Amino acid sequence: MNLSAAFVRRPIGTTLLTIGIALAGIAAYFQLPVSPLPQVDLPTINVSARLAGASPETMATSVATPLEKRLGRLADVSEMTSRSGVGGTNITLQFGLNRDIDGAARDVQAAINAARVDLPATLRNNPNYRKVNPADAPILVVAMTSKTRNRDDIYDAAATVVQQQLSQVKGVGDIGVSGGALPAVRVELNPLALSRYGIAMEDVRAALSAANANRPKGVIDSGPLRYQIYTNDAGRLAKDYSGLVIAYRKGSAVRLSDVAEVVDGPEDIHNIGLINGENAISVQITRAPGANIIQTVDALKKRLPILKASLPQDIDLQVAMDRSTTIRASLVDVERTLSVSVILVIGVVAFFLQSGGATLVPSVAVTVSLLGTVAVMYLLGFSLDNLSLMALTISTGFVVDDAIVVLENITRN
């Protein structure tokens, strides 16, 4: 069976098919995701918990251990690792390759809910989880600096403004903020003063919790009606807590300022971020699975000027790391290599055969072969990465050799 005979007998259909393949390749080229390495979606979930001020030992025994006991019972867990530090615990679960990531996420959420009864009561928020690819690194890191504001204010702006707006950009999977902590009121207790008044630390904690409780301040009865009195008196600054009554001793009130130093500060003082020796908060942006890195980075950079306008004037935004730079360079280098190879083929054929029709054949064959390959890559879910680009470069050589050999034999015979 002669496969090429049908195309030779139908030149118009062959021409239309060639044009269709070329157009499909051109359209697919701009839709292919771009990444440094091929997409391998490992079913991996990261569970994190935060308890401000807790030591690594406390996080490991009180937070990590109860979570590990529950998470270790999940089906098809191939690997589980945990890391505990000051105020935080991270547990990474890797499941078998055949495990559905969405089903695994539901099981992880159920395990977290079951472990809540064993976690410390002082853990303000439930542990959270997110689906991650351990091979992914941030595609863009934005540094926020200010010459007049402290790290707490910068971190607050990063967490409430920058993180929220950048997460809406298409292609963004996760955004992390580091280098500081949210503003808080820090109570530095004086053990000698507590001992002198006979006050336990639990009494101080109970008084602070009662002061922030969201409950009615009183009730007014008017016949059959009963009115509850609410007021928003939750303190936000140190001065709001200094006069808080902790206990009564010998008929006199002992206030918080008598047994502690109450100051405004960050939730966690064991964090610092620097860029060029200046205090900075870094915002790490990770792409969503299958997203085009170059398109996502371009969309983020377009959003930065708008974002800067919504921030205070004394907070500066700058790109600290752009991962798309090397990827762009790789794409440009491969595109240059492919262009040079096609030009060489056309030049060699034109020089030796001195025929316009003979020159057109390899130029069309090489170009359409590359575009057709790109279209098939899009249908199969491949990405433009270092491995696929290297394969395209090598395969171009085979196409060029075959085109020259076939054309030479046709001309000779």
Protein backbone atom coordinates (compact mmCIF):
# COMPACT_ATOMS: atom_id res chain seq x y z
CA MET A 1 0.00 0.00 0.00
CA ASN A 2 1.40 3.37 -1.10
CA LEU A 3 0.35 5.88 1.58
CA SER A 4 1.56 8.93 -0.32
CA ALA A 5 -0.26 8.02 -3.54
CA ALA A 6 -3.63 9.28 -2.24
CA PHE A 7 -2.12 12.67 -1.40
CA VAL A 8 -0.36 12.90 -4.78
CA ARG A 9 -3.60 12.25 -6.66
CA ARG A 10 -5.48 14.87 -4.63
CA PRO A 11 -3.28 18.00 -4.55
CA ILE A 12 -6.08 20.34 -3.49
CA GLY A 13 -7.04 18.19 -0.50
CA THR A 14 -3.40 17.78 0.41
CA THR A 15 -2.89 21.55 0.31
CA LEU A 16 -5.93 22.18 2.50
CA LEU A 17 -4.81 19.51 4.97
CA THR A 18 -1.35 21.09 5.14
CA ILE A 19 -2.82 24.52 5.80
CA GLY A 20 -5.13 23.06 8.47
CA ILE A 21 -2.23 21.38 10.27
CA ALA A 22 -0.21 24.60 10.15
CA LEU A 23 -3.09 26.70 11.54
CA ALA A 24 -3.77 24.14 14.28
CA GLY A 25 -0.09 24.21 15.28
CA ILE A 26 0.00 28.01 15.38
CA ALA A 27 -3.13 28.12 17.58
CA ALA A 28 -1.81 25.37 19.88
CA TYR A 29 1.58 27.06 20.31
CA PHE A 30 0.04 30.00 22.16
CA GLN A 31 -2.10 27.71 24.34
CA LEU A 32 0.59 25.30 25.51
CA PRO A 33 1.61 25.67 29.16
CA VAL A 34 5.21 26.74 29.67
CA SER A 35 7.30 25.28 32.50
CA PRO A 36 10.92 24.33 33.20
CA LEU A 37 10.07 20.62 33.55
CA PRO A 38 7.20 18.35 32.41
CA GLN A 39 3.99 18.42 34.39
CA VAL A 40 3.85 15.55 36.88
CA ASP A 41 0.86 15.93 39.20
CA LEU A 42 1.87 13.97 42.28
CA PRO A 43 -1.03 13.55 44.74
CA THR A 44 0.58 15.59 47.51
CA ILE A 45 -1.17 17.56 50.25
CA ASN A 46 0.42 19.92 52.76
CA VAL A 47 -1.20 20.44 56.17
CA SER A 48 -0.13 23.45 58.23
CA ALA A 49 -1.01 24.70 61.70
CA ARG A 50 -0.02 27.93 63.44
CA LEU A 51 0.27 28.65 67.16
CA ALA A 52 2.01 31.97 67.69
CA GLY A 53 4.87 31.90 70.18
CA ALA A 54 4.92 28.12 70.71
CA SER A 55 8.32 26.43 70.81
CA PRO A 56 9.28 23.73 68.28
CA GLU A 57 8.97 21.09 71.03
CA THR A 58 5.45 22.25 71.87
CA MET A 59 4.43 22.27 68.22
CA ALA A 60 5.83 18.77 67.69
CA THR A 61 4.21 17.17 70.75
CA SER A 62 0.93 19.09 71.04
CA VAL A 63 0.08 19.82 67.41
CA ALA A 64 2.06 17.62 65.03
CA THR A 65 1.65 14.35 66.95
CA PRO A 66 -2.20 14.39 67.15
CA LEU A 67 -2.40 15.31 63.47
CA GLU A 68 0.06 12.59 62.46
CA LYS A 69 -1.94 9.95 64.34
CA ARG A 70 -5.11 10.82 62.41
CA LEU A 71 -3.47 11.46 59.04
CA GLY A 72 -1.41 8.26 59.26
CA ARG A 73 -4.61 6.20 59.14
CA LEU A 74 -5.59 7.47 55.70
CA ALA A 75 -5.57 4.98 52.86
CA ASP A 76 -2.75 4.85 50.29
CA VAL A 77 -0.39 7.24 52.10
CA SER A 78 3.05 6.40 50.70
CA GLU A 79 5.05 9.02 52.62
CA MET A 80 4.42 11.45 55.47
CA THR A 81 6.94 14.01 56.70
CA SER A 82 6.55 16.79 59.25
CA ARG A 83 8.55 19.84 60.22
CA SER A 84 7.95 21.87 63.37
CA GLY A 85 9.39 25.28 64.13
CA VAL A 86 8.63 28.28 66.29
CA GLY A 87 4.89 28.85 66.02
CA GLY A 88 4.26 26.50 63.11
CA THR A 89 3.99 22.89 61.96
CA ASN A 90 3.92 21.57 58.39
CA ILE A 91 2.98 18.00 57.50
CA THR A 92 3.40 16.78 53.92
CA LEU A 93 1.39 13.76 52.77
CA GLN A 94 2.24 11.98 49.53
CA PHE A 95 -0.26 9.46 48.22
CA GLY A 96 0.04 6.72 45.64
CA LEU A 97 0.08 7.81 42.00
CA ASN A 98 -3.32 6.18 41.37
CA ARG A 99 -5.01 8.05 44.25
CA ASP A 100 -7.47 10.77 43.27
CA ILE A 101 -6.21 14.05 44.74
CA ASP A 102 -9.73 15.41 45.36
CA GLY A 103 -10.74 12.29 47.28
CA ALA A 104 -7.51 12.45 49.27
CA ALA A 105 -8.23 16.09 50.13
CA ARG A 106 -11.65 15.15 51.53
CA ASP A 107 -10.08 12.44 53.67
CA VAL A 108 -7.45 14.89 54.95
CA GLN A 109 -10.15 17.40 55.91
CA ALA A 110 -12.05 14.69 57.81
CA ALA A 111 -8.85 13.67 59.64
CA ILE A 112 -8.19 17.29 60.62
CA ASN A 113 -11.71 17.64 62.01
CA ALA A 114 -11.31 14.41 63.98
CA ALA A 115 -7.98 15.56 65.43
CA ARG A 116 -9.40 18.92 66.61
CA VAL A 117 -10.41 17.49 70.00
CA ASP A 118 -6.79 16.50 70.68
CA LEU A 119 -5.29 19.85 69.65
CA PRO A 120 -4.57 22.67 72.16
CA ALA A 121 -7.49 24.91 73.04
CA THR A 122 -5.26 27.93 72.39
CA LEU A 123 -5.01 27.01 68.68
CA ARG A 124 -7.11 29.83 67.30
CA ASN A 125 -7.68 28.48 63.79
CA ASN A 126 -8.12 24.95 62.52
CA PRO A 127 -5.17 23.47 60.64
CA ASN A 128 -5.53 24.08 56.92
CA TYR A 129 -4.43 22.06 53.93
CA ARG A 130 -3.64 22.71 50.29
CA LYS A 131 -2.87 20.57 47.27
CA VAL A 132 0.71 21.15 46.20
CA ASN A 133 3.30 19.86 43.76
CA PRO A 134 6.59 19.48 45.64
CA ALA A 135 8.51 20.12 42.41
CA ASP A 136 6.94 23.56 41.97
CA ALA A 137 8.83 26.66 43.04
CA PRO A 138 7.51 30.25 43.15
CA ILE A 139 7.28 31.77 39.70
CA LEU A 140 7.45 35.33 41.05
CA VAL A 141 8.57 36.85 44.34
CA VAL A 142 7.51 40.41 45.13
CA ALA A 143 9.28 42.36 47.89
CA MET A 144 7.49 45.09 49.83
CA THR A 145 9.61 47.72 51.56
CA SER A 146 9.08 51.02 53.33
CA LYS A 147 11.39 53.62 54.82
CA THR A 148 8.82 54.88 57.32
CA ARG A 149 6.69 51.88 58.33
CA ASN A 150 7.64 48.87 60.44
CA ARG A 151 7.39 45.26 59.33
CA ASP A 152 4.03 44.73 61.04
CA ASP A 153 2.29 47.39 58.97
CA ILE A 154 3.90 46.14 55.75
CA TYR A 155 2.89 42.55 56.52
CA ASP A 156 -0.67 43.67 57.25
CA ALA A 157 -0.85 45.40 53.86
CA ALA A 158 0.63 42.33 52.15
CA ALA A 159 -1.84 39.91 53.79
CA THR A 160 -4.98 42.04 53.42
CA VAL A 161 -4.40 43.77 50.06
CA VAL A 162 -1.64 42.21 47.96
CA GLN A 163 -2.39 38.56 48.70
CA GLN A 164 -6.12 38.98 48.08
CA GLN A 165 -5.80 40.81 44.77
CA LEU A 166 -2.99 38.77 43.26
CA SER A 167 -4.80 35.51 44.05
CA GLN A 168 -7.51 36.58 41.57
CA VAL A 169 -5.07 36.58 38.64
CA LYS A 170 -5.64 33.70 36.23
CA GLY A 171 -2.98 31.02 36.60
CA VAL A 172 -2.11 31.77 40.24
CA GLY A 173 -2.35 28.72 42.48
CA ASP A 174 -1.07 29.83 45.87
CA ILE A 175 0.40 32.94 47.48
CA GLY A 176 2.57 32.92 50.59
CA VAL A 177 3.58 35.90 52.69
CA SER A 178 6.72 35.75 54.86
CA GLY A 179 9.22 37.99 56.57
CA GLY A 180 6.92 39.28 59.32
CA ALA A 181 3.63 38.76 61.16
CA LEU A 182 0.31 40.49 61.62
CA PRO A 183 0.09 43.34 64.15
CA ALA A 184 -0.90 42.28 67.65
CA VAL A 185 -0.84 43.36 71.28
CA ARG A 186 2.00 41.70 73.18
CA VAL A 187 1.73 41.16 76.94
CA GLU A 188 5.16 40.66 78.52
CA LEU A 189 4.40 39.31 82.02
CA ASN A 190 6.59 40.11 85.00
CA PRO A 191 6.93 36.90 87.11
CA LEU A 192 8.02 38.85 90.20
CA ALA A 193 4.96 41.08 90.05
CA LEU A 194 2.67 38.08 89.56
CA SER A 195 4.23 36.38 92.57
CA ARG A 196 3.90 39.48 94.72
CA TYR A 197 0.18 39.78 94.00
CA GLY A 198 -0.41 36.01 94.07
CA ILE A 199 -1.79 35.91 90.54
CA ALA A 200 -1.36 32.91 88.27
CA MET A 201 -0.71 33.17 84.54
CA GLU A 202 -3.99 31.36 83.92
CA ASP A 203 -5.80 34.23 85.66
CA VAL A 204 -4.23 36.68 83.22
CA ARG A 205 -5.14 34.51 80.25
CA ALA A 206 -8.74 34.16 81.45
CA ALA A 207 -9.04 37.92 81.94
CA LEU A 208 -7.72 38.60 78.42
CA SER A 209 -10.10 36.03 76.92
CA ALA A 210 -13.06 37.49 78.80
CA ALA A 211 -12.17 40.98 77.59
CA ASN A 212 -12.35 39.83 73.96
CA ALA A 213 -15.47 37.68 74.31
CA ASN A 214 -18.25 38.56 71.88
CA ARG A 215 -21.20 38.48 74.21
CA PRO A 216 -23.90 40.88 75.54
CA LYS A 217 -22.76 43.44 78.08
CA GLY A 218 -26.10 43.50 79.85
CA VAL A 219 -29.87 43.04 79.66
CA ILE A 220 -32.77 45.44 80.05
CA ASP A 221 -36.21 44.06 80.92
CA SER A 222 -39.20 46.14 79.83
CA GLY A 223 -42.44 44.33 80.50
CA PRO A 224 -42.70 41.36 78.15
CA LEU A 225 -39.67 42.55 76.17
CA ARG A 226 -36.04 41.77 76.93
CA TYR A 227 -33.27 43.85 75.34
CA GLN A 228 -29.65 42.72 75.15
CA ILE A 229 -26.95 45.39 75.17
CA TYR A 230 -24.07 44.94 72.74
CA THR A 231 -21.01 47.11 72.30
CA ASN A 232 -17.90 46.67 70.22
CA ASP A 233 -15.26 47.26 72.88
CA ALA A 234 -12.67 44.71 71.71
CA GLY A 235 -9.23 46.20 72.12
CA ARG A 236 -6.91 46.60 69.16
CA LEU A 237 -4.07 48.60 70.70
CA ALA A 238 -1.91 48.19 73.77
CA LYS A 239 -3.51 51.20 75.48
CA ASP A 240 -6.89 49.42 75.34
CA TYR A 241 -5.54 46.60 77.54
CA SER A 242 -3.27 48.43 79.95
CA GLY A 243 -6.12 49.28 82.32
CA LEU A 244 -7.71 45.82 82.22
CA VAL A 245 -8.52 44.56 85.72
CA ILE A 246 -6.91 41.17 86.35
CA ALA A 247 -7.83 40.60 89.99
CA TYR A 248 -8.57 42.34 93.27
CA ARG A 249 -6.13 42.28 96.16
CA LYS A 250 -6.91 43.89 99.55
CA GLY A 251 -9.85 45.75 98.08
CA SER A 252 -7.80 47.28 95.27
CA ALA A 253 -7.85 46.43 91.57
CA VAL A 254 -4.73 44.89 90.04
CA ARG A 255 -4.51 46.00 86.45
CA LEU A 256 -2.64 44.39 83.58
CA SER A 257 -0.11 47.21 83.48
CA ASP A 258 0.80 46.43 87.12
CA VAL A 259 2.02 42.91 86.32
CA ALA A 260 3.08 43.16 82.66
CA GLU A 261 4.41 45.41 79.97
CA VAL A 262 1.76 45.84 77.29
CA VAL A 263 3.13 46.92 73.92
CA ASP A 264 2.08 46.94 70.29
CA GLY A 265 4.05 44.47 68.20
CA PRO A 266 3.87 41.49 65.82
CA GLU A 267 2.23 38.17 66.59
CA ASP A 268 5.55 36.38 66.09
CA ILE A 269 8.82 38.21 66.79
CA HIS A 270 10.97 35.39 65.37
CA ASN A 271 10.49 36.44 61.74
CA ILE A 272 12.53 38.83 59.67
CA GLY A 273 12.80 39.63 55.98
CA LEU A 274 15.52 41.68 54.33
CA ILE A 275 16.30 42.87 50.82
CA ASN A 276 19.46 44.89 50.25
CA GLY A 277 19.75 45.28 54.02
CA GLU A 278 16.30 46.86 54.33
CA ASN A 279 13.25 45.44 56.12
CA ALA A 280 11.05 43.70 53.58
CA ILE A 281 8.04 41.43 53.33
CA SER A 282 8.19 38.86 50.54
CA VAL A 283 5.15 37.60 48.63
CA GLN A 284 5.81 34.23 46.95
CA ILE A 285 3.47 33.40 44.07
CA THR A 286 3.07 29.81 42.87
CA ARG A 287 1.27 28.93 39.67
CA ALA A 288 -1.78 26.70 39.37
CA PRO A 289 -1.30 23.21 37.84
CA GLY A 290 -1.07 23.42 34.05
CA ALA A 291 -0.87 27.22 33.95
CA ASN A 292 1.40 29.00 31.50
CA ILE A 293 4.20 30.53 33.56
CA ILE A 294 5.01 33.29 31.08
CA GLN A 295 1.38 34.37 30.66
CA THR A 296 0.81 34.24 34.41
CA VAL A 297 3.93 36.32 35.17
CA ASP A 298 2.96 38.87 32.52
CA ALA A 299 -0.54 39.15 34.01
CA LEU A 300 0.93 39.60 37.50
CA LYS A 301 3.32 42.32 36.34
CA LYS A 302 0.44 44.17 34.71
CA ARG A 303 -1.45 44.05 38.01
CA LEU A 304 1.46 45.39 40.10
CA PRO A 305 1.11 49.11 39.10
CA ILE A 306 -2.62 48.99 39.87
CA LEU A 307 -1.87 47.23 43.15
CA LYS A 308 0.75 49.78 44.13
CA ALA A 309 -1.78 52.58 43.65
CA SER A 310 -4.08 50.96 46.22
CA LEU A 311 -1.32 50.75 48.86
CA PRO A 312 -0.05 53.58 51.07
CA GLN A 313 2.35 55.88 49.25
CA ASP A 314 5.29 54.99 51.48
CA ILE A 315 5.16 51.24 50.68
CA ASP A 316 7.17 50.22 47.65
CA LEU A 317 6.69 47.11 45.48
CA GLN A 318 9.52 45.52 43.52
CA VAL A 319 10.08 42.19 41.79
CA ALA A 320 12.73 40.29 43.72
CA MET A 321 12.72 37.10 41.64
CA ASP A 322 11.26 36.29 38.23
CA ARG A 323 11.43 32.62 37.31
CA SER A 324 10.17 33.23 33.79
CA THR A 325 13.47 34.88 32.76
CA THR A 326 15.32 31.60 32.24
CA ILE A 327 12.28 30.01 30.61
CA ARG A 328 12.00 32.89 28.14
CA ALA A 329 15.72 32.55 27.37
CA SER A 330 15.30 28.80 26.74
CA LEU A 331 12.34 29.40 24.43
CA VAL A 332 14.20 32.10 22.49
CA ASP A 333 17.27 29.88 22.15
CA VAL A 334 15.27 26.93 20.83
CA GLU A 335 13.25 29.12 18.49
CA ARG A 336 16.51 30.56 17.15
CA THR A 337 17.93 27.06 16.66
CA LEU A 338 14.84 25.87 14.80
CA SER A 339 14.80 28.98 12.61
CA VAL A 340 18.48 28.59 11.72
CA SER A 341 17.99 24.90 10.84
CA VAL A 342 15.06 25.66 8.54
CA ILE A 343 16.96 28.50 6.86
CA LEU A 344 19.99 26.24 6.34
CA VAL A 345 17.81 23.55 4.75
CA ILE A 346 16.25 26.04 2.36
CA GLY A 347 19.64 27.58 1.57
CA VAL A 348 21.39 24.26 0.91
CA VAL A 349 18.58 22.96 -1.31
CA ALA A 350 18.33 26.22 -3.23
CA PHE A 351 22.10 26.37 -3.74
CA PHE A 352 22.60 22.82 -5.01
CA LEU A 353 19.35 22.15 -6.87
CA GLN A 354 18.70 25.71 -8.08
CA SER A 355 14.98 25.01 -8.34
CA GLY A 356 12.20 27.02 -6.73
CA GLY A 357 9.81 24.09 -6.53
CA ALA A 358 12.47 21.83 -5.04
CA THR A 359 13.33 24.49 -2.48
CA LEU A 360 9.69 24.88 -1.46
CA VAL A 361 9.22 21.19 -0.64
CA PRO A 362 11.65 20.84 2.35
CA SER A 363 10.80 24.27 3.72
CA VAL A 364 7.10 23.40 3.84
CA ALA A 365 7.79 19.87 5.14
CA VAL A 366 9.95 21.03 8.04
CA THR A 367 7.66 23.90 9.04
CA VAL A 368 4.43 21.90 8.88
CA SER A 369 6.03 18.97 10.72
CA LEU A 370 6.99 21.21 13.63
CA LEU A 371 3.59 22.90 13.75
CA GLY A 372 1.82 19.54 13.57
CA THR A 373 3.94 18.27 16.45
CA VAL A 374 2.94 21.29 18.53
CA ALA A 375 -0.74 20.59 17.82
CA VAL A 376 -0.38 16.96 18.91
CA MET A 377 1.46 18.08 22.06
CA TYR A 378 -1.51 20.28 22.95
CA LEU A 379 -3.98 17.40 22.43
CA LEU A 380 -1.89 15.08 24.61
CA GLY A 381 -1.55 17.64 27.40
CA PHE A 382 2.20 18.21 27.02
CA SER A 383 3.95 21.45 27.93
CA LEU A 384 6.75 23.51 26.46
CA ASP A 385 9.61 22.66 28.78
CA ASN A 386 13.31 21.92 28.57
CA LEU A 387 12.76 18.25 27.70
CA SER A 388 10.09 18.77 25.04
CA LEU A 389 12.02 21.65 23.47
CA MET A 390 15.16 19.50 23.37
CA ALA A 391 13.16 16.72 21.69
CA LEU A 392 11.83 19.20 19.11
CA THR A 393 15.36 20.38 18.35
CA ILE A 394 16.63 16.82 17.87
CA SER A 395 13.62 15.73 15.82
CA THR A 396 14.10 18.74 13.54
CA GLY A 397 17.42 17.25 12.50
CA PHE A 398 15.72 13.99 11.51
CA VAL A 399 13.08 15.83 9.50
CA VAL A 400 15.73 17.91 7.76
CA ASP A 401 17.82 14.84 6.87
CA ASP A 402 14.82 12.93 5.58
CA ALA A 403 13.59 15.89 3.53
CA ILE A 404 16.98 16.38 1.88
CA VAL A 405 17.49 12.67 1.15
CA VAL A 406 14.01 12.20 -0.31
CA LEU A 407 14.23 15.37 -2.41
CA GLU A 408 17.68 14.42 -3.65
CA ASN A 409 16.45 11.01 -4.81
CA ILE A 410 13.40 12.52 -6.48
CA THR A 411 15.61 14.99 -8.35
CA ARG A 412 18.15 12.31 -9.30
CA ASN A 413 15.55 9.88 -10.62
